[in-house]
Amino acid sequence: NGHLIMDFMNINTVINELVASEIKEIEGISFNITREFKDGFIIKNIEFENIGRKYSYQEKVKAISISEFERYFESAGLKLTATFGDYKLSKFDVNTSERLIMLVSK
């Protein structure tokens, strides 16, 4: 009779609002940031130079839809009982919500 609360990005909003590239300057360091949706993943690359040394990092997150989560939960014997679209617990909208917050029960 356990419960699980899972917070994930709303992949539809993230993909639709994806900023392909930008440069952010923080404390005098310019960060070159690129993003793409490729092969089912949202990929963010960050490159910068500091004190003559170059750095490069990659963040890669699987884009999982709510229907995929439901299949995963079902195969594990769990049930999705509620969804929310933000931290104020607003109703989840697949096209506009910023988050996908799920309440799952055993």
Protein backbone atom coordinates (compact mmCIF):
# COMPACT_ATOMS: atom_id res chain seq x y z
CA ASN A 1 0.00 0.00 0.00
CA GLY A 2 2.91 2.33 -0.66
CA HIS A 3 2.93 5.60 -2.57
CA LEU A 4 5.52 7.22 -4.82
CA ILE A 5 5.76 10.83 -5.89
CA MET A 6 7.82 11.32 -9.02
CA ASP A 7 8.80 14.70 -10.47
CA PHE A 8 9.88 14.76 -14.13
CA MET A 9 10.01 17.31 -16.90
CA ASN A 10 7.06 17.59 -19.26
CA ILE A 11 8.84 16.47 -22.40
CA ASN A 12 6.32 18.12 -24.75
CA THR A 13 6.93 21.56 -23.24
CA VAL A 14 10.69 21.04 -23.04
CA ILE A 15 10.95 19.94 -26.68
CA ASN A 16 8.61 22.69 -27.94
CA GLU A 17 10.49 25.41 -26.03
CA LEU A 18 14.01 24.04 -26.54
CA VAL A 19 16.58 26.82 -26.93
CA ALA A 20 19.06 25.40 -29.45
CA SER A 21 22.00 27.53 -28.35
CA GLU A 22 22.87 30.35 -26.01
CA ILE A 23 25.82 31.91 -24.26
CA LYS A 24 25.55 32.63 -20.55
CA GLU A 25 28.12 34.69 -18.72
CA ILE A 26 28.57 33.94 -15.03
CA GLU A 27 31.30 35.53 -12.96
CA GLY A 28 33.25 36.49 -16.08
CA ILE A 29 33.10 33.04 -17.64
CA SER A 30 31.20 32.53 -20.92
CA PHE A 31 29.32 29.24 -21.09
CA ASN A 32 28.42 28.06 -24.59
CA ILE A 33 25.29 25.93 -24.21
CA THR A 34 23.68 23.89 -26.98
CA ARG A 35 20.58 21.70 -26.75
CA GLU A 36 18.93 19.21 -29.06
CA PHE A 37 16.32 16.48 -29.10
CA LYS A 38 17.87 13.41 -30.71
CA ASP A 39 17.09 9.69 -30.66
CA GLY A 40 14.59 10.06 -27.81
CA PHE A 41 16.94 12.09 -25.61
CA ILE A 42 17.21 15.75 -24.68
CA ILE A 43 20.91 16.52 -24.88
CA LYS A 44 22.57 19.60 -23.40
CA ASN A 45 26.23 20.37 -24.04
CA ILE A 46 28.10 22.96 -22.00
CA GLU A 47 31.54 24.24 -23.03
CA PHE A 48 33.64 26.93 -21.40
CA GLU A 49 37.19 27.99 -20.73
CA ASN A 50 38.61 29.08 -17.39
CA ILE A 51 42.19 30.01 -16.56
CA GLY A 52 43.38 28.68 -19.92
CA ARG A 53 41.75 25.28 -19.53
CA LYS A 54 38.82 24.11 -21.68
CA TYR A 55 35.90 22.19 -20.18
CA SER A 56 33.12 20.26 -21.85
CA TYR A 57 30.13 18.57 -20.19
CA GLN A 58 27.08 16.77 -21.51
CA GLU A 59 23.72 16.15 -19.87
CA LYS A 60 21.56 13.52 -21.54
CA VAL A 61 18.02 12.79 -20.30
CA LYS A 62 15.63 10.24 -21.77
CA ALA A 63 12.44 11.93 -22.95
CA ILE A 64 9.76 9.77 -21.31
CA SER A 65 6.11 10.53 -22.02
CA ILE A 66 3.29 10.10 -19.54
CA SER A 67 1.99 7.11 -21.52
CA GLU A 68 5.43 5.46 -21.29
CA PHE A 69 5.50 6.06 -17.54
CA GLU A 70 2.05 4.47 -17.25
CA ARG A 71 3.31 1.36 -19.07
CA TYR A 72 6.37 1.18 -16.78
CA PHE A 73 4.19 1.54 -13.69
CA GLU A 74 1.72 -1.09 -14.88
CA SER A 75 4.48 -3.60 -15.60
CA ALA A 76 5.75 -3.03 -12.04
CA GLY A 77 2.29 -3.55 -10.52
CA LEU A 78 1.81 0.15 -9.81
CA LYS A 79 -0.98 2.56 -10.74
CA LEU A 80 -0.74 6.23 -11.67
CA THR A 81 -3.38 7.83 -9.46
CA ALA A 82 -2.83 11.58 -9.97
CA THR A 83 -0.82 14.01 -12.10
CA PHE A 84 0.11 17.65 -11.58
CA GLY A 85 1.70 20.16 -13.92
CA ASP A 86 3.74 22.30 -11.51
CA TYR A 87 4.83 22.69 -7.90
CA LYS A 88 1.55 24.47 -7.08
CA LEU A 89 -0.14 21.15 -7.97
CA SER A 90 -2.05 22.59 -10.93
CA LYS A 91 -3.76 20.19 -13.30
CA PHE A 92 -1.33 18.51 -15.72
CA ASP A 93 -1.67 19.60 -19.36
CA VAL A 94 0.48 17.59 -21.78
CA ASN A 95 0.99 20.64 -24.04
CA THR A 96 1.57 23.46 -21.55
CA SER A 97 2.58 22.19 -18.11
CA GLU A 98 6.17 22.84 -17.06
CA ARG A 99 6.49 19.63 -15.00
CA LEU A 100 5.01 16.14 -14.86
CA ILE A 101 4.48 15.34 -11.19
CA MET A 102 3.00 11.90 -10.65
CA LEU A 103 1.45 10.19 -7.66
CA VAL A 104 1.78 6.44 -8.01
CA SER A 105 0.27 3.78 -5.74
CA LYS A 106 0.91 0.10 -5.14
